Protein backbone atom coordinates (compact mmCIF):
# COMPACT_ATOMS: atom_id res chain seq x y z
CA MET A 1 8.10 -67.54 28.02
CA ALA A 2 5.78 -69.68 25.74
CA GLU A 3 3.97 -66.95 24.71
CA THR A 4 7.03 -64.28 24.49
CA LEU A 5 9.04 -66.57 21.97
CA SER A 6 5.97 -67.25 19.76
CA ALA A 7 5.38 -63.55 19.78
CA ARG A 8 9.25 -62.53 19.22
CA ILE A 9 9.49 -65.41 16.06
CA ARG A 10 5.77 -64.62 14.81
CA ALA A 11 7.41 -60.77 14.62
CA ALA A 12 10.68 -61.94 12.79
CA ILE A 13 8.28 -63.45 9.91
CA GLU A 14 5.32 -61.79 10.01
CA GLY A 15 7.26 -58.15 10.32
CA PRO A 16 9.37 -58.72 6.81
CA ILE A 17 6.43 -59.65 4.98
CA ARG A 18 4.17 -56.87 5.87
CA ALA A 19 6.88 -54.12 5.50
CA GLY A 20 7.09 -55.32 1.71
CA GLU A 21 10.41 -56.54 2.14
CA TRP A 22 9.96 -60.02 1.89
CA PRO A 23 7.39 -60.28 -1.06
CA PRO A 24 5.55 -62.75 -2.16
CA GLY A 25 7.02 -65.89 -3.11
CA THR A 26 10.31 -65.25 -0.88
CA ARG A 27 11.43 -68.41 1.38
CA ILE A 28 11.09 -68.24 4.45
CA PRO A 29 13.51 -69.26 7.08
CA PHE A 30 13.24 -73.42 7.35
CA GLU A 31 11.79 -74.42 10.60
CA HIS A 32 15.22 -75.73 12.14
CA GLU A 33 16.90 -72.51 11.11
CA LEU A 34 14.11 -70.73 13.26
CA VAL A 35 14.54 -73.14 16.71
CA SER A 36 18.26 -72.66 16.13
CA ARG A 37 18.08 -69.28 16.06
CA PHE A 38 15.54 -69.02 18.77
CA GLY A 39 16.41 -71.66 21.13
CA CYS A 40 13.61 -73.29 20.78
CA SER A 41 11.29 -76.38 20.08
CA ARG A 42 9.86 -77.79 16.73
CA MET A 43 7.09 -78.33 18.16
CA THR A 44 7.13 -74.06 19.21
CA VAL A 45 7.67 -73.07 16.04
CA ASN A 46 5.13 -75.05 13.77
CA LYS A 47 2.58 -73.26 15.97
CA VAL A 48 3.52 -70.16 14.34
CA LEU A 49 4.15 -71.25 10.87
CA SER A 50 0.79 -73.17 10.78
CA ALA A 51 -0.83 -69.70 12.09
CA LEU A 52 0.83 -67.55 9.51
CA ALA A 53 -0.68 -70.04 7.14
CA ALA A 54 -3.89 -70.41 8.64
CA GLU A 55 -3.85 -65.96 7.99
CA GLY A 56 -2.69 -66.35 4.50
CA LEU A 57 0.55 -64.85 5.17
CA ILE A 58 2.46 -67.97 4.19
CA THR A 59 2.30 -70.87 2.23
CA ARG A 60 3.93 -74.03 3.90
CA ARG A 61 5.50 -76.52 1.84
CA ARG A 62 6.65 -80.31 2.60
CA ARG A 63 9.64 -80.53 0.74
CA THR A 64 11.11 -76.59 -0.27
CA GLY A 65 9.74 -74.89 2.81
CA SER A 66 7.55 -72.27 3.19
CA VAL A 67 7.15 -69.61 1.57
CA VAL A 68 5.49 -65.82 1.22
CA ALA A 69 2.11 -65.69 0.31
CA ALA A 70 1.45 -63.92 -2.37
CA PRO A 71 -2.21 -61.35 -1.20
CA PRO A 72 -5.80 -62.01 -2.36
CA ALA A 73 -6.55 -59.38 -5.23
CA ASP A 74 -8.37 -57.22 -2.72
CA ARG A 75 -5.68 -56.56 -0.64
CA ALA A 76 -3.16 -56.74 -3.08
CA LEU A 77 -5.28 -53.30 -4.48
CA LEU A 78 -4.98 -51.76 -1.29
CA GLN A 79 -1.90 -52.62 0.28
CA VAL A 80 -0.03 -50.18 2.12
CA GLN A 81 3.33 -49.46 0.05
CA ASP A 82 6.37 -49.19 2.13
CA LEU A 83 8.09 -46.33 0.82
CA ALA A 84 11.26 -47.15 2.33
CA ALA A 85 11.25 -50.72 0.93
CA ALA A 86 9.91 -49.75 -2.28
CA ALA A 87 12.82 -47.51 -2.48
CA ARG A 88 15.39 -49.77 -1.99
CA ARG A 89 14.34 -52.42 -4.29
CA GLU A 90 14.37 -49.72 -6.89
CA GLY A 91 17.90 -48.69 -6.00
CA ARG A 92 16.90 -45.27 -4.97
CA ASP A 93 17.80 -42.96 -1.91
CA TYR A 94 15.45 -42.89 1.29
CA ARG A 95 15.01 -40.85 4.15
CA HIS A 96 12.81 -39.22 6.44
CA GLU A 97 12.17 -36.35 9.11
CA VAL A 98 9.81 -36.92 11.91
CA VAL A 99 8.75 -33.50 11.66
CA ALA A 100 6.23 -33.12 15.21
CA ARG A 101 5.84 -35.77 17.81
CA ARG A 102 3.77 -35.66 21.09
CA GLN A 103 2.33 -37.52 23.36
CA GLN A 104 -1.28 -37.21 24.73
CA PRO A 105 -4.87 -39.04 26.47
CA ALA A 106 -7.29 -38.85 24.03
CA GLY A 107 -10.25 -36.53 24.08
CA ALA A 108 -13.68 -37.42 23.92
CA GLU A 109 -14.26 -36.69 20.31
CA ALA A 110 -10.54 -38.74 19.34
CA ALA A 111 -12.02 -41.48 21.56
CA ALA A 112 -15.43 -42.03 20.19
CA ARG A 113 -13.65 -42.16 16.24
CA LEU A 114 -11.07 -44.32 17.53
CA GLY A 115 -12.92 -46.80 19.51
CA LEU A 116 -11.03 -45.74 22.35
CA PRO A 117 -11.79 -45.12 26.42
CA PRO A 118 -11.45 -41.46 26.96
CA GLY A 119 -8.04 -40.83 28.25
CA ALA A 120 -5.89 -44.11 26.32
CA PRO A 121 -2.36 -42.65 25.88
CA LEU A 122 -2.28 -41.69 22.42
CA LEU A 123 1.42 -41.10 20.41
CA HIS A 124 0.67 -37.98 17.61
CA LEU A 125 3.10 -38.10 14.66
CA SER A 126 3.61 -36.33 11.46
CA THR A 127 6.34 -37.73 9.07
CA LEU A 128 7.53 -36.41 5.82
CA HIS A 129 8.97 -39.18 3.88
CA LEU A 130 11.67 -38.12 0.20
CA THR A 131 12.78 -40.06 -2.41
CA ASP A 132 15.96 -38.81 -3.61
CA GLY A 133 16.06 -35.43 -2.16
CA VAL A 134 12.01 -35.21 -2.98
CA PRO A 135 9.20 -34.95 -0.95
CA ASP A 136 7.22 -38.01 -1.65
CA ALA A 137 3.95 -38.35 0.78
CA PHE A 138 3.43 -36.51 4.45
CA GLU A 139 1.60 -38.36 6.71
CA THR A 140 -0.45 -37.77 10.31
CA ARG A 141 -0.43 -40.95 12.42
CA ILE A 142 -1.77 -41.66 15.89
CA ILE A 143 -0.55 -44.69 17.71
CA ALA A 144 -2.62 -46.52 20.62
CA LEU A 145 0.49 -46.86 23.51
CA ASP A 146 -1.67 -49.40 24.88
CA ALA A 147 -2.03 -51.55 22.23
CA ALA A 148 2.35 -50.29 21.01
CA PRO A 149 3.94 -49.45 24.28
CA ALA A 150 7.08 -49.51 22.93
CA ALA A 151 6.69 -47.01 20.87
CA ALA A 152 6.25 -44.53 23.53
CA ALA A 153 10.15 -43.84 23.70
CA GLU A 154 10.85 -44.61 20.33
CA ARG A 155 12.72 -42.09 18.18
CA PHE A 156 12.00 -43.10 15.60
CA ALA A 157 15.04 -43.01 13.87
CA ALA A 158 16.19 -45.51 11.94
CA MET A 159 13.30 -46.25 10.39
CA PRO A 160 9.56 -44.21 9.94
CA PRO A 161 6.58 -44.84 11.88
CA GLY A 162 4.60 -47.21 10.32
CA THR A 163 7.78 -49.77 9.15
CA TRP A 164 8.70 -49.75 12.44
CA LEU A 165 5.11 -50.76 13.57
CA LEU A 166 5.02 -53.56 10.91
CA ALA A 167 7.85 -55.12 11.89
CA HIS A 168 6.99 -54.57 15.88
CA VAL A 169 3.51 -54.81 16.58
CA PRO A 170 1.54 -57.69 14.07
CA TRP A 171 -1.71 -56.75 13.31
CA THR A 172 -5.02 -58.28 12.28
CA GLU A 173 -7.27 -56.28 10.72
CA ALA A 174 -7.18 -53.29 8.00
CA GLU A 175 -8.90 -50.79 6.85
CA HIS A 176 -8.17 -48.29 3.59
CA ALA A 177 -9.97 -45.55 2.30
CA VAL A 178 -8.92 -43.58 -0.29
CA ALA A 179 -9.64 -40.11 -1.85
CA ALA A 180 -8.81 -36.84 -3.55
CA ILE A 181 -7.55 -34.46 -2.45
CA ALA A 182 -6.56 -30.58 -3.38
CA ALA A 183 -3.66 -29.51 -1.55
CA ASP A 184 -4.42 -27.19 1.52
CA PRO A 185 -1.27 -24.76 1.86
CA PRO A 186 0.12 -26.60 4.81
CA LEU A 187 0.43 -29.36 2.80
CA ALA A 188 1.85 -28.25 -0.46
CA ARG A 189 5.13 -26.21 1.35
CA ARG A 190 5.58 -30.11 3.20
CA LEU A 191 5.11 -31.23 -0.82
CA GLY A 192 6.87 -28.84 -2.50
CA ILE A 193 3.62 -28.48 -4.70
CA ALA A 194 1.43 -25.64 -5.14
CA ALA A 195 -1.26 -24.68 -3.28
CA GLY A 196 -4.57 -26.65 -4.43
CA ALA A 197 -2.38 -29.20 -6.20
CA PRO A 198 -4.20 -32.88 -6.64
CA CYS A 199 -2.98 -35.18 -4.29
CA LEU A 200 -4.02 -38.74 -3.07
CA LEU A 201 -5.27 -39.54 0.47
CA LEU A 202 -4.92 -42.93 2.24
CA GLU A 203 -6.51 -43.24 5.19
CA ARG A 204 -5.60 -46.51 6.79
CA ARG A 205 -6.62 -48.35 10.90
CA THR A 206 -5.08 -51.30 11.56
CA TRP A 207 -6.43 -53.59 14.83
CA GLN A 208 -4.22 -56.41 16.30
CA GLY A 209 -7.65 -58.23 17.74
CA ALA A 210 -10.02 -55.86 19.04
CA ARG A 211 -7.60 -53.09 19.40
CA LEU A 212 -6.83 -50.07 17.41
CA VAL A 213 -2.88 -50.18 17.04
CA THR A 214 -2.75 -47.05 15.28
CA GLU A 215 -4.61 -44.76 12.45
CA ALA A 216 -2.38 -42.97 9.41
CA ARG A 217 -3.30 -40.35 6.94
CA ILE A 218 -0.67 -40.21 4.47
CA ALA A 219 -0.98 -37.56 1.01
CA TYR A 220 1.22 -38.59 -1.73
CA PRO A 221 1.46 -35.64 -4.27
CA GLY A 222 -1.21 -37.15 -7.03
CA GLU A 223 1.35 -36.33 -10.48
CA ARG A 224 3.35 -38.94 -8.87
CA HIS A 225 1.07 -41.46 -7.43
CA ARG A 226 -1.07 -44.22 -8.43
CA LEU A 227 -2.88 -46.97 -7.15
CA VAL A 228 -2.90 -50.34 -9.51
CA GLY A 229 -4.56 -53.90 -9.09
CA ARG A 230 -4.06 -56.82 -11.43
CA PHE A 231 -6.97 -59.69 -11.09
CA ARG A 232 -7.44 -62.77 -12.26
CA PRO A 233 -11.22 -64.00 -12.50
C-alpha cells in the first residue's frame, strides 16, 4: 500500500513537470499540503520529494518550499514539447484526433528494435495535433502495455497519448533523434502541406528503469517549427 501511495504522490508532481504544465521555478505543493491531500505521513511525502530532487526534477528549499528545477542545457534543447500545454500558454486553441488505434503483439522485428520479448503486447496509435484548427504535427506511437497496462483501455479523448503518458507513467530515461525529412504523400495530406515539403522528424523513446514505455515518431511542418537551445558556459 505504501508503494502505491508513493507512486500516486510522485505521479501528481512528476506528471505536470514532464507535461510542461509546471515550468522551471514553479512552486510545487508544500509537504503539509501533500500530506493533507493524500492522507499520508510526512515521511512518505519527504521520501518522494527527496527522490525527485535526487533525479534533478525539483529543487528543495528549506523556507520557501520546493520548486521545479531548471533542466540542464542538453535536456532543455531536446525536451519534448507538449503541444497542448504550449498552445494553452499562448492562448491558442488545441485539439487532437486519434486517427488509428490497434493492439497487437510484438513481432520478431519490432521486439528486437524495441528490446522487448516477442509477443509483448503493444498499442499502436496515430494522432493528428491541430493548433487553431491547423495541423501542427502528426504522431505515430507505440506503447508497451506491460509498462503502461492502463493504456489498453484508454481512448485518449481528454488528452493526447504523449500527454497522458507523462501524467500517468513516470519515466527515468529518454532518447531523442532529430532528422530533416521530405513529406511523403500520406504525411503531406495529414499535415496539409505539399508532397516533398521539408519536415522536422523527432523520434523519441522513454524507459522506466529497464522497461521501454513508448516509442514515438512526431513529424512537424518544417516551416513552422524549430529547436532552440540557450546555453551558459
